[in-house]
Every structure is written in structure tokens, then in C-alpha cells.
Amino acid sequence: MKNKNIYLIVIFIAFLTTFSSLARRKMMYNEKKAEFGTGSQSVISNGFVFFMGRYIEAPYAIKRDGLAILINGVKVYELYAPTTEPLVDPIMPVTITENSTFEEIRKYLQKKIRYIIENYPGVVVTQKRVELYLSLPCVESVTTLSPKYLNRLVVTFKDGKQVRIYNGLPWPKDYETREDYLKSVEVEKKYYEKYLKENTALFIYAKNIYSPMASRSVKKKLRLMVETLRSSKPLGQKKLILQKMSRLPTSEASLQQYYPLLTNFYASSQLDERLSALIEQDHIAPITEQDLPEEIPVLKHERILEEKVKEAQQSY
């Protein structure tokens, strides 16, 4: 009885944690919608959209909603931005010392450079950045990478390590202003629009991952793909057929994110009607299972990875 009660308590805590996480994400989404507003909506009749394995019927209304992209009301993409805070000039933390590493000062630099960019004209920003780096006790020197490009800096730390800084932030791409966030999402929206106008099939998964199928492949391969996913074939056989069609990766680690297509597939009769019309229009004969290769073709990026692993093994 005691074990059962403990089990129920654990289940209840897990439920509360999940519910709290979902509520927090919904709140953040609503905050971003309020902060960034909504963009214009485009309606496209071409193309095919599958989200987490389920076919979304055309026509496709695509719009930006906050920092998310919606297709027919379904959120297919979201850029996660930090909650907006009042922009104040950050004070250098007392924890930054002569022995501090670049990794340890990243957060401070990010806030400080954002403040500089938003409060000084462009011609002064480089000078202010140089002053910032020189003010750090762990920095030995700051030089320009080239006399021609004064905004390309080399920061040398007292531990001897150097960091090259090009046109702004010294780390992988980040967004400095509200306009940067908006521009990034609008660019992504244009990609979705372009793909659909070209009659591409978009297979969209979680975490902003999508796999496009070009128009010619749609006409030749999509019918067999749909027939396979609708069939009562075992999961392993469905996976094998799609891998032979080069529609799924071969490594199990990469395959995990694509499983909704195999386990959650659904498509209405509209898909069959639209696909048949597209095939008849161009007089293209779709492939059948008999046309597939006996062996699974190795995808280009997987082949490159395999070659690099072999090179690394040989170097030892």
C-alpha cells in the first residue's frame, strides 16, 4: 500500500511538472505574440504540408504570429527569444578577474554589446567594443585583424588564448535587436512560401526541423510513400521502403525525430485527389516498390560523416 502511494505521488508530481512547463511555454508564446505582433498572411494553393506525420489540407494560409510561423493555424516554426528586459548598462561582475576565461565572460559581453549597439551610432560601436574588451582584467590586448577592416578584432587574453570577432558578437549567430528577430522569422516564412509555390512537399517535425521533397520527386515518389505509410505493413518494413526512397536517414540516432511520420501518419482524400491531378497534368509515371534499389542508398551527408570518422580512426 505504501509503495502504491509513493507511486501515485511520483505520477502526480510528474503531471504537475509537465503542466507547469506547458503553461510556461504558452505564456512565453503569448508574450512574444504581444511584443512582436503579427505579419501579413499569404495564401498558397500549391505544395503539400505534413506536420508530425499528418497531412494539412490545402490551400495554405501562412503568416507570422509573434516569432512563430503558422500554416493553417498550426505552429510549424518558432524562434525562441529571451524575454525582453529593460535595456540598462550592465555593470561588470566582480567575478571577472585576471584569470577569467572567455567562456566565463560571455554573458556579460552579450548584455554589454547589446547595450552599446542600441545606444551608440554605428561609427562609434567598434571603438566602444574595443574599450569594453580593454576594460576587462583578463584581456591582454586588442588588435585589428586587418587595417582594411577595423571592425574585425583579435582579442588576446592573459592566458594566451585569442578570439576573433567579426562585425559584432563574438559567438555563434545571435540576434541583437527586435528587428533582427523579426527579420529572421520573415526570412524563414519566405522559405516556406517559396517551397510551396514550387509544389514541394514539406515534411515538418518538432524543433523546427523540416525535410523538403522537390516537385519532381513529389510526382514520382509521393504516391508510393503515402501508400506505404497507409498500409498495414510492419513498422520495420515501412522504414526500409522509405529509406530505399532516400526519405529517411539510416542511422538510428538521426531517425528518432522522423518517427512521427511512420507512427502518426494520416492523410485525407484531398491528398489523393491533388496528387493524381498533378501526376496526370505532367504525364509522369510514379515509381512502384519494384523500382526501388535492393540496397539502401547512403545519403550524401551520412557518407561524408562516415568518411570523416574513418579518417579520424586512421589518424590514431
Protein backbone atom coordinates (compact mmCIF):
# COMPACT_ATOMS: atom_id res chain seq x y z
CA MET A 1 0.00 0.00 0.00
CA LYS A 2 2.85 2.34 0.92
CA ASN A 3 4.63 1.68 -2.39
CA LYS A 4 1.41 2.36 -4.28
CA ASN A 5 1.01 5.73 -2.54
CA ILE A 6 4.60 6.68 -3.37
CA TYR A 7 3.98 5.69 -7.00
CA LEU A 8 0.84 7.87 -7.14
CA ILE A 9 2.72 10.82 -5.63
CA VAL A 10 5.50 10.47 -8.23
CA ILE A 11 2.90 10.37 -11.04
CA PHE A 12 1.17 13.45 -9.62
CA ILE A 13 4.46 15.41 -9.36
CA ALA A 14 5.34 14.45 -12.96
CA PHE A 15 1.92 15.64 -14.11
CA LEU A 16 2.29 18.97 -12.30
CA THR A 17 5.79 19.46 -13.74
CA THR A 18 4.58 18.78 -17.30
CA PHE A 19 1.53 21.00 -16.86
CA SER A 20 3.67 23.81 -15.44
CA SER A 21 6.14 23.51 -18.34
CA LEU A 22 3.37 23.65 -20.95
CA ALA A 23 1.72 26.61 -19.21
CA ARG A 24 5.05 28.46 -19.08
CA ARG A 25 5.70 27.84 -22.80
CA LYS A 26 2.20 29.05 -23.69
CA MET A 27 2.73 32.18 -21.59
CA MET A 28 6.08 32.88 -23.31
CA TYR A 29 4.47 32.36 -26.72
CA ASN A 30 1.70 34.85 -25.87
CA GLU A 31 4.30 37.34 -24.61
CA LYS A 32 6.19 37.13 -27.91
CA LYS A 33 2.96 37.49 -29.87
CA ALA A 34 2.12 40.65 -27.92
CA GLU A 35 5.66 42.03 -28.26
CA PHE A 36 6.29 41.26 -31.95
CA GLY A 37 2.73 41.39 -33.31
CA THR A 38 1.60 39.52 -36.42
CA GLY A 39 2.74 39.77 -40.04
CA SER A 40 0.91 39.67 -43.33
CA GLN A 41 -0.75 36.43 -44.43
CA SER A 42 -0.17 34.73 -47.78
CA VAL A 43 -2.40 32.00 -49.20
CA ILE A 44 -0.85 29.36 -51.46
CA SER A 45 -2.71 26.54 -53.21
CA ASN A 46 0.36 24.62 -54.37
CA GLY A 47 2.55 22.21 -52.45
CA PHE A 48 1.87 19.67 -49.72
CA VAL A 49 2.38 20.04 -45.97
CA PHE A 50 2.78 17.20 -43.47
CA PHE A 51 3.18 18.17 -39.83
CA MET A 52 4.32 15.48 -37.38
CA GLY A 53 3.12 12.85 -39.85
CA ARG A 54 -0.33 14.33 -40.57
CA TYR A 55 -1.32 15.92 -43.86
CA ILE A 56 -2.57 19.50 -43.64
CA GLU A 57 -5.15 20.26 -46.33
CA ALA A 58 -4.58 22.99 -48.92
CA PRO A 59 -4.88 25.93 -49.53
CA TYR A 60 -2.16 27.04 -47.14
CA ALA A 61 -2.55 30.28 -45.19
CA ILE A 62 0.95 31.21 -43.98
CA LYS A 63 1.55 34.01 -41.51
CA ARG A 64 3.96 35.19 -38.85
CA ASP A 65 2.45 35.22 -35.37
CA GLY A 66 4.87 36.78 -32.91
CA LEU A 67 8.09 34.84 -33.52
CA ALA A 68 6.23 31.80 -34.84
CA ILE A 69 5.09 30.76 -38.31
CA LEU A 70 1.62 29.28 -38.66
CA ILE A 71 0.30 27.25 -41.59
CA ASN A 72 -3.48 26.95 -41.44
CA GLY A 73 -3.28 27.78 -37.75
CA VAL A 74 -0.69 25.08 -36.98
CA LYS A 75 2.57 26.34 -35.47
CA VAL A 76 5.28 24.85 -37.69
CA TYR A 77 8.21 27.05 -36.64
CA GLU A 78 9.16 29.19 -33.67
CA LEU A 79 12.21 31.31 -32.93
CA TYR A 80 12.83 31.24 -29.21
CA ALA A 81 13.87 34.64 -27.94
CA PRO A 82 14.78 35.61 -24.40
CA THR A 83 12.15 37.56 -22.50
CA THR A 84 12.59 41.24 -23.15
CA GLU A 85 14.15 43.09 -20.22
CA PRO A 86 14.70 46.82 -19.72
CA LEU A 87 17.92 47.72 -21.52
CA VAL A 88 20.30 49.05 -18.87
CA ASP A 89 24.05 49.46 -18.96
CA PRO A 90 25.30 46.28 -17.24
CA ILE A 91 27.98 46.55 -14.57
CA MET A 92 30.99 44.27 -14.83
CA PRO A 93 30.55 41.37 -12.38
CA VAL A 94 33.10 41.21 -9.56
CA THR A 95 33.64 37.57 -10.51
CA ILE A 96 35.55 38.64 -13.65
CA THR A 97 39.25 38.57 -12.75
CA GLU A 98 42.62 38.28 -14.46
CA ASN A 99 42.15 34.54 -14.58
CA SER A 100 38.67 34.60 -16.16
CA THR A 101 38.26 32.70 -19.42
CA PHE A 102 36.32 33.80 -22.47
CA GLU A 103 33.58 31.29 -21.64
CA GLU A 104 33.15 32.85 -18.20
CA ILE A 105 32.59 36.38 -19.54
CA ARG A 106 30.27 35.53 -22.46
CA LYS A 107 27.02 36.50 -20.73
CA TYR A 108 28.36 39.85 -19.57
CA LEU A 109 29.73 40.62 -23.05
CA GLN A 110 26.42 39.73 -24.66
CA LYS A 111 24.47 42.17 -22.49
CA LYS A 112 27.09 44.91 -22.71
CA ILE A 113 27.48 44.74 -26.51
CA ARG A 114 23.72 44.73 -26.96
CA TYR A 115 23.58 47.89 -24.86
CA ILE A 116 26.37 49.51 -26.93
CA ILE A 117 24.75 48.64 -30.27
CA GLU A 118 21.39 50.07 -29.26
CA ASN A 119 22.75 53.26 -27.67
CA TYR A 120 25.58 54.42 -29.94
CA PRO A 121 25.77 55.25 -33.66
CA GLY A 122 27.39 52.65 -35.92
CA VAL A 123 30.65 54.60 -36.38
CA VAL A 124 31.24 54.60 -32.61
CA VAL A 125 30.26 50.97 -31.91
CA THR A 126 33.65 49.47 -32.87
CA GLN A 127 35.51 51.98 -30.68
CA LYS A 128 33.20 51.23 -27.75
CA ARG A 129 33.69 47.50 -28.19
CA VAL A 130 37.47 47.93 -28.13
CA GLU A 131 37.18 49.99 -24.94
CA LEU A 132 34.98 47.26 -23.45
CA TYR A 133 37.47 44.47 -24.11
CA LEU A 134 40.40 46.55 -22.82
CA SER A 135 38.48 47.25 -19.61
CA LEU A 136 38.38 43.53 -18.80
CA PRO A 137 41.13 42.46 -16.35
CA CYS A 138 41.54 39.15 -18.21
CA VAL A 139 42.31 40.81 -21.58
CA GLU A 140 45.92 41.48 -22.59
CA SER A 141 45.39 43.32 -25.89
CA VAL A 142 43.01 44.12 -28.74
CA THR A 143 44.18 44.48 -32.34
CA THR A 144 42.52 44.71 -35.74
CA LEU A 145 42.71 41.68 -37.96
CA SER A 146 43.30 43.88 -40.99
CA PRO A 147 43.86 47.65 -41.48
CA LYS A 148 41.18 47.49 -44.16
CA TYR A 149 38.52 46.14 -41.81
CA LEU A 150 38.69 47.98 -38.49
CA ASN A 151 35.62 46.20 -37.12
CA ARG A 152 37.36 42.79 -37.30
CA LEU A 153 39.13 42.40 -33.98
CA VAL A 154 41.50 39.94 -32.35
CA VAL A 155 41.19 39.84 -28.57
CA THR A 156 44.14 38.27 -26.74
CA PHE A 157 43.51 37.01 -23.22
CA LYS A 158 46.08 36.86 -20.44
CA ASP A 159 46.04 33.06 -20.63
CA GLY A 160 47.35 33.41 -24.21
CA LYS A 161 44.13 32.44 -25.99
CA GLN A 162 42.82 34.58 -28.83
CA VAL A 163 39.28 35.23 -30.04
CA ARG A 164 38.46 36.70 -33.43
CA ILE A 165 35.42 38.97 -33.55
CA TYR A 166 33.70 39.89 -36.80
CA ASN A 167 31.09 42.62 -37.11
CA GLY A 168 29.55 42.32 -33.69
CA LEU A 169 29.08 39.46 -31.27
CA PRO A 170 31.97 37.07 -30.51
CA TRP A 171 29.91 33.85 -30.56
CA PRO A 172 27.66 31.92 -32.95
CA LYS A 173 24.90 33.97 -34.59
CA ASP A 174 22.75 35.81 -32.09
CA TYR A 175 20.10 38.49 -32.51
CA GLU A 176 20.88 41.96 -31.25
CA THR A 177 17.66 43.90 -31.77
CA ARG A 178 13.92 43.41 -32.14
CA GLU A 179 14.30 43.95 -35.90
CA ASP A 180 16.83 41.09 -36.07
CA TYR A 181 14.30 38.67 -34.60
CA LEU A 182 11.54 39.83 -36.94
CA LYS A 183 13.78 39.69 -39.99
CA SER A 184 14.91 36.16 -39.16
CA VAL A 185 11.34 34.85 -38.87
CA GLU A 186 10.20 36.70 -42.00
CA VAL A 187 13.11 35.15 -43.96
CA GLU A 188 12.08 31.70 -42.72
CA LYS A 189 8.47 32.41 -43.75
CA LYS A 190 9.65 33.25 -47.27
CA TYR A 191 11.36 29.84 -47.48
CA TYR A 192 8.08 28.10 -46.65
CA GLU A 193 6.25 30.21 -49.24
CA LYS A 194 8.89 29.54 -51.90
CA TYR A 195 8.83 25.79 -51.33
CA LEU A 196 5.05 25.57 -51.55
CA LYS A 197 4.79 27.74 -54.65
CA GLU A 198 7.18 25.28 -56.32
CA ASN A 199 4.89 22.35 -55.44
CA THR A 200 7.34 21.00 -52.88
CA ALA A 201 6.14 18.60 -50.20
CA LEU A 202 7.23 19.74 -46.73
CA PHE A 203 7.56 17.12 -44.00
CA ILE A 204 7.74 19.15 -40.80
CA TYR A 205 8.79 17.75 -37.44
CA ALA A 206 9.44 19.09 -33.94
CA LYS A 207 12.17 21.62 -33.08
CA ASN A 208 11.87 23.50 -36.40
CA ILE A 209 13.09 20.52 -38.43
CA TYR A 210 11.66 20.01 -41.90
CA SER A 211 12.53 17.86 -44.87
CA PRO A 212 11.50 19.13 -48.34
CA MET A 213 10.67 16.85 -51.26
CA ALA A 214 11.18 18.61 -54.60
CA SER A 215 8.30 18.88 -57.08
CA ARG A 216 9.63 16.22 -59.48
CA SER A 217 10.15 13.77 -56.61
CA VAL A 218 6.63 14.55 -55.39
CA LYS A 219 5.20 13.40 -58.71
CA LYS A 220 7.36 10.28 -58.86
CA LYS A 221 7.67 9.19 -55.22
CA LEU A 222 4.94 10.67 -53.01
CA ARG A 223 2.20 8.23 -54.08
CA LEU A 224 4.31 5.18 -53.12
CA MET A 225 5.29 6.90 -49.89
CA VAL A 226 1.64 7.54 -48.95
CA GLU A 227 0.58 4.01 -49.92
CA THR A 228 3.36 2.58 -47.76
CA LEU A 229 2.53 4.71 -44.72
CA ARG A 230 -1.19 3.88 -45.00
CA SER A 231 -0.56 0.17 -45.37
CA SER A 232 -0.65 -2.48 -42.67
CA LYS A 233 2.99 -3.34 -43.29
CA PRO A 234 5.14 -3.75 -40.16
CA LEU A 235 6.92 -0.62 -38.97
CA GLY A 236 10.32 -2.02 -39.91
CA GLN A 237 9.20 -2.69 -43.48
CA LYS A 238 7.75 0.81 -43.87
CA LYS A 239 11.01 2.26 -42.59
CA LEU A 240 13.03 0.15 -45.05
CA ILE A 241 10.93 1.25 -48.04
CA LEU A 242 11.24 4.94 -47.13
CA GLN A 243 14.98 4.55 -46.61
CA LYS A 244 15.30 2.98 -50.07
CA MET A 245 13.44 6.05 -51.37
CA SER A 246 16.02 8.26 -49.57
CA ARG A 247 13.24 9.79 -47.48
CA LEU A 248 14.59 8.65 -44.10
CA PRO A 249 18.14 8.61 -42.67
CA THR A 250 19.75 5.25 -41.96
CA SER A 251 21.32 5.97 -38.56
CA GLU A 252 19.03 5.26 -35.63
CA ALA A 253 20.10 8.44 -33.82
CA SER A 254 19.05 10.64 -36.76
CA LEU A 255 15.92 8.57 -37.34
CA GLN A 256 14.34 9.30 -33.95
CA GLN A 257 12.98 12.73 -34.93
CA TYR A 258 11.30 11.28 -38.06
CA TYR A 259 9.30 8.60 -36.28
CA PRO A 260 6.02 10.61 -36.23
CA LEU A 261 5.86 10.11 -40.00
CA LEU A 262 5.97 6.33 -39.51
CA THR A 263 3.74 6.05 -36.46
CA ASN A 264 1.35 9.01 -36.74
CA PHE A 265 0.61 9.23 -40.46
CA TYR A 266 -2.79 10.43 -41.62
CA ALA A 267 -3.94 11.97 -44.91
CA SER A 268 -7.42 12.85 -46.13
CA SER A 269 -8.74 12.02 -49.61
CA GLN A 270 -7.81 15.56 -50.68
CA LEU A 271 -4.17 14.49 -50.85
CA ASP A 272 -5.01 11.67 -53.30
CA GLU A 273 -7.08 13.99 -55.48
CA ARG A 274 -4.44 16.73 -55.63
CA LEU A 275 -1.60 14.29 -56.21
CA SER A 276 -3.46 12.48 -59.01
CA ALA A 277 -4.21 15.80 -60.73
CA LEU A 278 -0.54 16.82 -60.50
CA ILE A 279 0.69 13.49 -61.93
CA GLU A 280 -1.83 13.48 -64.80
CA GLN A 281 -1.04 17.09 -65.65
CA ASP A 282 2.64 16.29 -66.32
CA HIS A 283 2.16 12.70 -67.57
CA ILE A 284 4.73 11.32 -65.10
CA ALA A 285 4.67 7.66 -64.13
CA PRO A 286 5.06 7.28 -60.33
CA ILE A 287 7.52 4.66 -59.11
CA THR A 288 6.40 1.41 -57.52
CA GLU A 289 8.03 -0.73 -54.85
CA GLN A 290 9.57 -2.87 -57.62
CA ASP A 291 11.51 0.17 -58.86
CA LEU A 292 13.38 0.62 -55.60
CA PRO A 293 17.04 -0.43 -55.25
CA GLU A 294 17.85 -3.63 -53.39
CA GLU A 295 20.23 -1.82 -51.05
CA ILE A 296 19.56 1.34 -49.04
CA PRO A 297 21.41 4.23 -50.69
CA VAL A 298 23.71 6.14 -48.35
CA LEU A 299 22.64 9.79 -48.10
CA LYS A 300 25.31 12.32 -49.03
CA HIS A 301 25.69 13.86 -45.57
CA GLU A 302 25.86 10.39 -44.00
CA ARG A 303 28.57 9.34 -46.46
CA ILE A 304 30.62 12.44 -45.64
CA LEU A 305 30.26 11.75 -41.91
CA GLU A 306 31.30 8.13 -42.41
CA GLU A 307 34.42 9.23 -44.33
CA LYS A 308 35.40 11.69 -41.59
CA VAL A 309 35.03 9.02 -38.92
CA LYS A 310 37.29 6.66 -40.91
CA GLU A 311 39.88 9.44 -41.33
CA ALA A 312 39.83 10.10 -37.58
CA GLN A 313 40.24 6.38 -36.81
CA GLN A 314 43.20 6.07 -39.20
CA SER A 315 44.94 9.06 -37.60
CA TYR A 316 45.20 7.27 -34.24
